[in-house]
Amino acid sequence: MKNLLPALGLVCLSAAPALAQDWDCSKAGDLPQQGMNYCAYEDWQTADRALNVAWKKVREHMKSVDETNREYYPDRANGEESLLKAQRAWIDYRDGHCETEGASFTGGSIQPLIINSCMASMTRKRTEELLLLMEEF
């Protein structure tokens, strides 16, 4: 019996779905649910990386705006501060909104797809909003 357990483990592993890196996310609709969930998560992570790049640019831009404004309005140069406040609130809003979208699917295998797709979509929109503060795309 002792020798049978490792063999059973190999059989179970060989029957497991393909590794995540083997999934072709360009054809996510053709994947099993686990693959679609993985691709939705990867899409969100891609959108989040783009947001982080934009965030650095916009924050630096707002620091520059503050420096310029401080010369004329020393008490009202708070663009960077208000940007940070808005971003923190937006993250909380995004997370709560997407959790709410996924709530109807609690316990279902599609819930991660719904939540991660929402996170990706909202993150892309926020990236555009941030870049508009600099008037660039």
N, C-alpha and C. Protein backbone atom coordinates (compact mmCIF):
# COMPACT_ATOMS: atom_id res chain seq x y z
N MET A 1 0.82 -1.19 0.00
CA MET A 1 0.00 0.00 0.00
C MET A 1 0.87 1.26 0.00
N LYS A 2 1.98 1.17 0.73
CA LYS A 2 2.88 2.31 0.82
C LYS A 2 3.40 2.72 -0.56
N ASN A 3 3.72 1.76 -1.42
CA ASN A 3 4.24 2.04 -2.75
C ASN A 3 3.15 2.51 -3.72
N LEU A 4 1.91 2.24 -3.40
CA LEU A 4 0.80 2.62 -4.27
C LEU A 4 0.49 4.11 -4.19
N LEU A 5 0.69 4.73 -3.03
CA LEU A 5 0.36 6.14 -2.85
C LEU A 5 1.14 7.06 -3.79
N PRO A 6 2.45 6.92 -3.95
CA PRO A 6 3.15 7.79 -4.91
C PRO A 6 2.63 7.60 -6.33
N ALA A 7 2.30 6.39 -6.70
CA ALA A 7 1.79 6.14 -8.05
C ALA A 7 0.44 6.82 -8.24
N LEU A 8 -0.41 6.78 -7.24
CA LEU A 8 -1.71 7.46 -7.32
C LEU A 8 -1.51 8.96 -7.45
N GLY A 9 -0.52 9.49 -6.76
CA GLY A 9 -0.23 10.92 -6.86
C GLY A 9 0.16 11.31 -8.28
N LEU A 10 0.94 10.47 -8.96
CA LEU A 10 1.33 10.75 -10.34
C LEU A 10 0.13 10.72 -11.27
N VAL A 11 -0.77 9.77 -11.04
CA VAL A 11 -1.97 9.69 -11.87
C VAL A 11 -2.81 10.94 -11.69
N CYS A 12 -2.97 11.39 -10.45
CA CYS A 12 -3.75 12.59 -10.18
C CYS A 12 -3.12 13.81 -10.84
N LEU A 13 -1.81 13.90 -10.77
CA LEU A 13 -1.14 15.06 -11.36
C LEU A 13 -1.26 15.05 -12.88
N SER A 14 -1.16 13.86 -13.47
CA SER A 14 -1.24 13.82 -14.93
C SER A 14 -2.65 14.13 -15.42
N ALA A 15 -3.65 13.96 -14.59
CA ALA A 15 -5.03 14.26 -14.98
C ALA A 15 -5.39 15.72 -14.69
N ALA A 16 -4.49 16.45 -14.04
CA ALA A 16 -4.75 17.86 -13.70
C ALA A 16 -4.81 18.70 -14.96
N PRO A 17 -5.53 19.83 -14.90
CA PRO A 17 -5.59 20.70 -16.08
C PRO A 17 -4.21 21.26 -16.42
N ALA A 18 -4.09 21.76 -17.61
CA ALA A 18 -2.83 22.35 -18.07
C ALA A 18 -2.38 23.44 -17.12
N LEU A 19 -1.09 23.63 -17.06
CA LEU A 19 -0.55 24.69 -16.22
C LEU A 19 -1.01 26.04 -16.75
N ALA A 20 -1.14 27.00 -15.85
CA ALA A 20 -1.64 28.33 -16.21
C ALA A 20 -0.83 28.93 -17.35
N GLN A 21 0.47 28.75 -17.35
CA GLN A 21 1.28 29.35 -18.40
C GLN A 21 1.02 28.70 -19.76
N ASP A 22 0.35 27.57 -19.79
CA ASP A 22 0.00 26.92 -21.05
C ASP A 22 -1.30 27.46 -21.64
N TRP A 23 -2.06 28.24 -20.86
CA TRP A 23 -3.34 28.76 -21.34
C TRP A 23 -3.12 29.92 -22.29
N ASP A 24 -3.81 29.90 -23.40
CA ASP A 24 -3.73 30.96 -24.40
C ASP A 24 -4.84 31.96 -24.12
N CYS A 25 -4.49 33.06 -23.49
CA CYS A 25 -5.49 34.05 -23.10
C CYS A 25 -6.03 34.83 -24.28
N SER A 26 -5.43 34.69 -25.45
CA SER A 26 -6.01 35.34 -26.63
C SER A 26 -7.27 34.60 -27.07
N LYS A 27 -7.46 33.39 -26.55
CA LYS A 27 -8.65 32.59 -26.83
C LYS A 27 -9.29 32.17 -25.51
N ALA A 28 -9.43 33.13 -24.59
CA ALA A 28 -9.92 32.82 -23.24
C ALA A 28 -11.30 32.19 -23.26
N GLY A 29 -12.14 32.58 -24.22
CA GLY A 29 -13.48 32.01 -24.28
C GLY A 29 -13.51 30.53 -24.60
N ASP A 30 -12.42 30.00 -25.12
CA ASP A 30 -12.33 28.58 -25.45
C ASP A 30 -11.75 27.76 -24.29
N LEU A 31 -11.39 28.42 -23.22
CA LEU A 31 -10.74 27.74 -22.09
C LEU A 31 -11.77 27.24 -21.09
N PRO A 32 -11.36 26.28 -20.24
CA PRO A 32 -12.24 25.90 -19.13
C PRO A 32 -12.35 27.08 -18.16
N GLN A 33 -13.30 27.00 -17.25
CA GLN A 33 -13.55 28.11 -16.34
C GLN A 33 -12.28 28.54 -15.59
N GLN A 34 -11.50 27.59 -15.14
CA GLN A 34 -10.26 27.92 -14.42
C GLN A 34 -9.32 28.74 -15.31
N GLY A 35 -9.25 28.41 -16.58
CA GLY A 35 -8.42 29.16 -17.51
C GLY A 35 -8.95 30.56 -17.74
N MET A 36 -10.28 30.68 -17.88
CA MET A 36 -10.88 32.01 -18.06
C MET A 36 -10.63 32.86 -16.82
N ASN A 37 -10.73 32.27 -15.64
CA ASN A 37 -10.46 33.00 -14.40
C ASN A 37 -9.01 33.47 -14.36
N TYR A 38 -8.11 32.59 -14.75
CA TYR A 38 -6.69 32.93 -14.78
C TYR A 38 -6.44 34.10 -15.74
N CYS A 39 -7.03 34.04 -16.93
CA CYS A 39 -6.83 35.09 -17.94
C CYS A 39 -7.42 36.42 -17.48
N ALA A 40 -8.56 36.38 -16.81
CA ALA A 40 -9.16 37.61 -16.29
C ALA A 40 -8.24 38.22 -15.23
N TYR A 41 -7.66 37.39 -14.39
CA TYR A 41 -6.72 37.88 -13.37
C TYR A 41 -5.48 38.50 -14.05
N GLU A 42 -4.94 37.81 -15.05
CA GLU A 42 -3.77 38.33 -15.76
C GLU A 42 -4.09 39.66 -16.45
N ASP A 43 -5.30 39.77 -16.99
CA ASP A 43 -5.73 41.01 -17.63
C ASP A 43 -5.77 42.14 -16.60
N TRP A 44 -6.29 41.85 -15.43
CA TRP A 44 -6.32 42.86 -14.37
C TRP A 44 -4.90 43.26 -13.97
N GLN A 45 -4.01 42.30 -13.85
CA GLN A 45 -2.63 42.61 -13.46
C GLN A 45 -1.95 43.48 -14.52
N THR A 46 -2.22 43.23 -15.79
CA THR A 46 -1.67 44.05 -16.87
C THR A 46 -2.20 45.47 -16.75
N ALA A 47 -3.51 45.59 -16.53
CA ALA A 47 -4.12 46.92 -16.37
C ALA A 47 -3.55 47.62 -15.14
N ASP A 48 -3.31 46.89 -14.08
CA ASP A 48 -2.77 47.48 -12.85
C ASP A 48 -1.34 47.97 -13.05
N ARG A 49 -0.55 47.24 -13.81
CA ARG A 49 0.82 47.70 -14.09
C ARG A 49 0.78 49.00 -14.89
N ALA A 50 -0.12 49.09 -15.86
CA ALA A 50 -0.25 50.32 -16.64
C ALA A 50 -0.70 51.48 -15.76
N LEU A 51 -1.61 51.20 -14.84
CA LEU A 51 -2.06 52.23 -13.89
C LEU A 51 -0.88 52.73 -13.06
N ASN A 52 -0.05 51.83 -12.59
CA ASN A 52 1.09 52.22 -11.76
C ASN A 52 2.09 53.08 -12.52
N VAL A 53 2.28 52.80 -13.80
CA VAL A 53 3.16 53.62 -14.64
C VAL A 53 2.55 55.02 -14.78
N ALA A 54 1.26 55.07 -15.09
CA ALA A 54 0.58 56.36 -15.23
C ALA A 54 0.58 57.12 -13.91
N TRP A 55 0.38 56.41 -12.81
CA TRP A 55 0.33 57.05 -11.50
C TRP A 55 1.62 57.81 -11.22
N LYS A 56 2.75 57.20 -11.49
CA LYS A 56 4.04 57.86 -11.23
C LYS A 56 4.16 59.15 -12.05
N LYS A 57 3.76 59.08 -13.32
CA LYS A 57 3.83 60.26 -14.18
C LYS A 57 2.92 61.37 -13.67
N VAL A 58 1.69 60.99 -13.35
CA VAL A 58 0.70 61.99 -12.93
C VAL A 58 1.09 62.58 -11.58
N ARG A 59 1.59 61.78 -10.69
CA ARG A 59 2.02 62.30 -9.38
C ARG A 59 3.16 63.30 -9.54
N GLU A 60 4.11 62.98 -10.39
CA GLU A 60 5.21 63.92 -10.66
C GLU A 60 4.67 65.20 -11.30
N HIS A 61 3.73 65.03 -12.20
CA HIS A 61 3.11 66.20 -12.84
C HIS A 61 2.44 67.08 -11.79
N MET A 62 1.71 66.48 -10.87
CA MET A 62 1.02 67.26 -9.84
C MET A 62 2.01 67.92 -8.88
N LYS A 63 3.13 67.30 -8.62
CA LYS A 63 4.18 67.94 -7.81
C LYS A 63 4.67 69.19 -8.52
N SER A 64 4.85 69.08 -9.81
CA SER A 64 5.30 70.22 -10.60
C SER A 64 4.26 71.34 -10.60
N VAL A 65 3.01 70.95 -10.75
CA VAL A 65 1.91 71.94 -10.70
C VAL A 65 1.90 72.63 -9.34
N ASP A 66 2.08 71.86 -8.29
CA ASP A 66 2.12 72.43 -6.94
C ASP A 66 3.27 73.43 -6.79
N GLU A 67 4.43 73.08 -7.31
CA GLU A 67 5.58 73.98 -7.24
C GLU A 67 5.27 75.31 -7.94
N THR A 68 4.68 75.23 -9.10
CA THR A 68 4.31 76.44 -9.84
C THR A 68 3.26 77.23 -9.08
N ASN A 69 2.25 76.55 -8.58
CA ASN A 69 1.16 77.24 -7.87
C ASN A 69 1.61 77.84 -6.54
N ARG A 70 2.57 77.18 -5.90
CA ARG A 70 3.04 77.64 -4.59
C ARG A 70 3.61 79.05 -4.68
N GLU A 71 4.16 79.38 -5.82
CA GLU A 71 4.72 80.72 -6.02
C GLU A 71 3.63 81.79 -5.90
N TYR A 72 2.45 81.49 -6.42
CA TYR A 72 1.36 82.47 -6.44
C TYR A 72 0.30 82.23 -5.36
N TYR A 73 0.10 80.96 -5.01
CA TYR A 73 -0.93 80.61 -4.03
C TYR A 73 -0.34 79.62 -3.02
N PRO A 74 0.48 80.10 -2.11
CA PRO A 74 1.20 79.19 -1.21
C PRO A 74 0.28 78.32 -0.35
N ASP A 75 -0.90 78.80 -0.03
CA ASP A 75 -1.79 78.03 0.84
C ASP A 75 -2.70 77.08 0.07
N ARG A 76 -2.71 77.17 -1.25
CA ARG A 76 -3.64 76.34 -2.02
C ARG A 76 -2.95 75.39 -2.98
N ALA A 77 -1.69 75.18 -2.84
CA ALA A 77 -0.95 74.27 -3.72
C ALA A 77 -1.02 72.85 -3.15
N ASN A 78 -2.11 72.16 -3.43
CA ASN A 78 -2.28 70.82 -2.85
C ASN A 78 -2.75 69.80 -3.89
N GLY A 79 -2.30 69.95 -5.12
CA GLY A 79 -2.69 69.01 -6.17
C GLY A 79 -2.26 67.59 -5.90
N GLU A 80 -1.03 67.41 -5.47
CA GLU A 80 -0.53 66.07 -5.18
C GLU A 80 -1.30 65.45 -4.02
N GLU A 81 -1.55 66.24 -3.01
CA GLU A 81 -2.29 65.75 -1.84
C GLU A 81 -3.71 65.33 -2.21
N SER A 82 -4.38 66.15 -3.01
CA SER A 82 -5.75 65.81 -3.40
C SER A 82 -5.77 64.61 -4.36
N LEU A 83 -4.73 64.48 -5.19
CA LEU A 83 -4.62 63.33 -6.08
C LEU A 83 -4.50 62.05 -5.26
N LEU A 84 -3.64 62.07 -4.26
CA LEU A 84 -3.46 60.90 -3.40
C LEU A 84 -4.75 60.55 -2.66
N LYS A 85 -5.43 61.56 -2.16
CA LYS A 85 -6.71 61.34 -1.47
C LYS A 85 -7.73 60.69 -2.41
N ALA A 86 -7.81 61.21 -3.63
CA ALA A 86 -8.75 60.67 -4.62
C ALA A 86 -8.39 59.23 -5.00
N GLN A 87 -7.10 58.96 -5.16
CA GLN A 87 -6.68 57.61 -5.56
C GLN A 87 -7.00 56.59 -4.48
N ARG A 88 -6.76 56.95 -3.24
CA ARG A 88 -7.09 56.03 -2.14
C ARG A 88 -8.58 55.74 -2.11
N ALA A 89 -9.38 56.78 -2.28
CA ALA A 89 -10.84 56.60 -2.30
C ALA A 89 -11.26 55.77 -3.51
N TRP A 90 -10.63 56.00 -4.65
CA TRP A 90 -10.98 55.25 -5.86
C TRP A 90 -10.67 53.77 -5.68
N ILE A 91 -9.53 53.43 -5.10
CA ILE A 91 -9.16 52.02 -4.88
C ILE A 91 -10.22 51.35 -4.01
N ASP A 92 -10.62 52.01 -2.95
CA ASP A 92 -11.65 51.47 -2.07
C ASP A 92 -12.97 51.29 -2.82
N TYR A 93 -13.32 52.28 -3.63
CA TYR A 93 -14.55 52.21 -4.43
C TYR A 93 -14.47 51.06 -5.43
N ARG A 94 -13.37 50.97 -6.17
CA ARG A 94 -13.21 49.91 -7.17
C ARG A 94 -13.34 48.54 -6.55
N ASP A 95 -12.62 48.33 -5.46
CA ASP A 95 -12.64 47.02 -4.81
C ASP A 95 -14.05 46.67 -4.33
N GLY A 96 -14.71 47.62 -3.69
CA GLY A 96 -16.07 47.37 -3.20
C GLY A 96 -17.06 47.15 -4.32
N HIS A 97 -16.94 47.95 -5.38
CA HIS A 97 -17.85 47.81 -6.52
C HIS A 97 -17.69 46.45 -7.18
N CYS A 98 -16.47 46.04 -7.40
CA CYS A 98 -16.23 44.75 -8.06
C CYS A 98 -16.63 43.57 -7.18
N GLU A 99 -16.43 43.68 -5.89
CA GLU A 99 -16.91 42.63 -4.98
C GLU A 99 -18.43 42.54 -5.05
N THR A 100 -19.08 43.69 -5.16
CA THR A 100 -20.53 43.71 -5.27
C THR A 100 -20.98 43.06 -6.58
N GLU A 101 -20.28 43.35 -7.67
CA GLU A 101 -20.62 42.70 -8.95
C GLU A 101 -20.49 41.19 -8.83
N GLY A 102 -19.51 40.73 -8.10
CA GLY A 102 -19.30 39.29 -7.96
C GLY A 102 -20.18 38.63 -6.93
N ALA A 103 -20.86 39.40 -6.10
CA ALA A 103 -21.65 38.84 -5.00
C ALA A 103 -22.75 37.90 -5.47
N SER A 104 -23.33 38.18 -6.60
CA SER A 104 -24.41 37.32 -7.12
C SER A 104 -23.89 35.94 -7.52
N PHE A 105 -22.58 35.80 -7.63
CA PHE A 105 -21.98 34.55 -8.08
C PHE A 105 -21.20 33.85 -6.97
N THR A 106 -21.44 34.25 -5.72
CA THR A 106 -20.72 33.69 -4.58
C THR A 106 -20.86 32.17 -4.58
N GLY A 107 -19.72 31.51 -4.45
CA GLY A 107 -19.69 30.06 -4.42
C GLY A 107 -19.57 29.44 -5.80
N GLY A 108 -19.76 30.23 -6.83
CA GLY A 108 -19.67 29.71 -8.19
C GLY A 108 -18.27 29.87 -8.76
N SER A 109 -17.93 29.03 -9.70
CA SER A 109 -16.59 29.07 -10.28
C SER A 109 -16.38 30.29 -11.17
N ILE A 110 -17.46 30.97 -11.54
CA ILE A 110 -17.35 32.15 -12.40
C ILE A 110 -17.08 33.43 -11.61
N GLN A 111 -17.24 33.39 -10.30
CA GLN A 111 -17.08 34.61 -9.49
C GLN A 111 -15.73 35.29 -9.71
N PRO A 112 -14.60 34.56 -9.71
CA PRO A 112 -13.31 35.25 -9.95
C PRO A 112 -13.26 35.94 -11.31
N LEU A 113 -13.88 35.35 -12.32
CA LEU A 113 -13.91 35.96 -13.64
C LEU A 113 -14.67 37.29 -13.59
N ILE A 114 -15.80 37.31 -12.93
CA ILE A 114 -16.62 38.52 -12.83
C ILE A 114 -15.85 39.61 -12.09
N ILE A 115 -15.27 39.27 -10.95
CA ILE A 115 -14.56 40.26 -10.14
C ILE A 115 -13.32 40.77 -10.85
N ASN A 116 -12.51 39.86 -11.39
CA ASN A 116 -11.26 40.29 -12.04
C ASN A 116 -11.52 41.06 -13.33
N SER A 117 -12.57 40.71 -14.05
CA SER A 117 -12.92 41.47 -15.26
C SER A 117 -13.34 42.88 -14.88
N CYS A 118 -14.10 43.01 -13.82
CA CYS A 118 -14.51 44.32 -13.31
C CYS A 118 -13.27 45.13 -12.90
N MET A 119 -12.37 44.51 -12.17
CA MET A 119 -11.16 45.19 -11.71
C MET A 119 -10.34 45.69 -12.90
N ALA A 120 -10.20 44.86 -13.93
CA ALA A 120 -9.44 45.26 -15.12
C ALA A 120 -10.10 46.43 -15.82
N SER A 121 -11.40 46.34 -16.00
CA SER A 121 -12.13 47.40 -16.70
C SER A 121 -12.05 48.73 -15.95
N MET A 122 -12.31 48.68 -14.67
CA MET A 122 -12.28 49.92 -13.88
C MET A 122 -10.87 50.49 -13.80
N THR A 123 -9.88 49.62 -13.74
CA THR A 123 -8.49 50.08 -13.66
C THR A 123 -8.07 50.77 -14.95
N ARG A 124 -8.49 50.23 -16.08
CA ARG A 124 -8.19 50.89 -17.36
C ARG A 124 -8.85 52.26 -17.44
N LYS A 125 -10.09 52.34 -17.01
CA LYS A 125 -10.79 53.63 -17.02
C LYS A 125 -10.09 54.64 -16.11
N ARG A 126 -9.64 54.18 -14.96
CA ARG A 126 -8.95 55.08 -14.04
C ARG A 126 -7.62 55.55 -14.63
N THR A 127 -6.94 54.67 -15.32
CA THR A 127 -5.68 55.06 -15.97
C THR A 127 -5.93 56.19 -16.95
N GLU A 128 -6.99 56.07 -17.74
CA GLU A 128 -7.35 57.14 -18.68
C GLU A 128 -7.67 58.44 -17.95
N GLU A 129 -8.41 58.33 -16.85
CA GLU A 129 -8.75 59.53 -16.06
C GLU A 129 -7.49 60.21 -15.55
N LEU A 130 -6.55 59.42 -15.04
CA LEU A 130 -5.32 59.99 -14.53
C LEU A 130 -4.52 60.68 -15.63
N LEU A 131 -4.41 60.03 -16.76
CA LEU A 131 -3.65 60.61 -17.87
C LEU A 131 -4.30 61.88 -18.39
N LEU A 132 -5.63 61.96 -18.30
CA LEU A 132 -6.31 63.19 -18.69
C LEU A 132 -5.90 64.37 -17.83
N LEU A 133 -5.51 64.11 -16.59
CA LEU A 133 -5.03 65.19 -15.72
C LEU A 133 -3.78 65.84 -16.29
N MET A 134 -3.08 65.09 -17.13
CA MET A 134 -1.88 65.62 -17.78
C MET A 134 -2.18 65.96 -19.24
N GLU A 135 -3.40 65.71 -19.65
CA GLU A 135 -3.82 65.91 -21.02
C GLU A 135 -2.96 65.12 -22.00
N GLU A 136 -2.79 63.82 -21.68
CA GLU A 136 -2.03 62.96 -22.58
C GLU A 136 -2.65 61.57 -22.57
N PHE A 137 -2.47 60.87 -23.66
CA PHE A 137 -2.88 59.46 -23.79
C PHE A 137 -1.74 58.67 -24.34
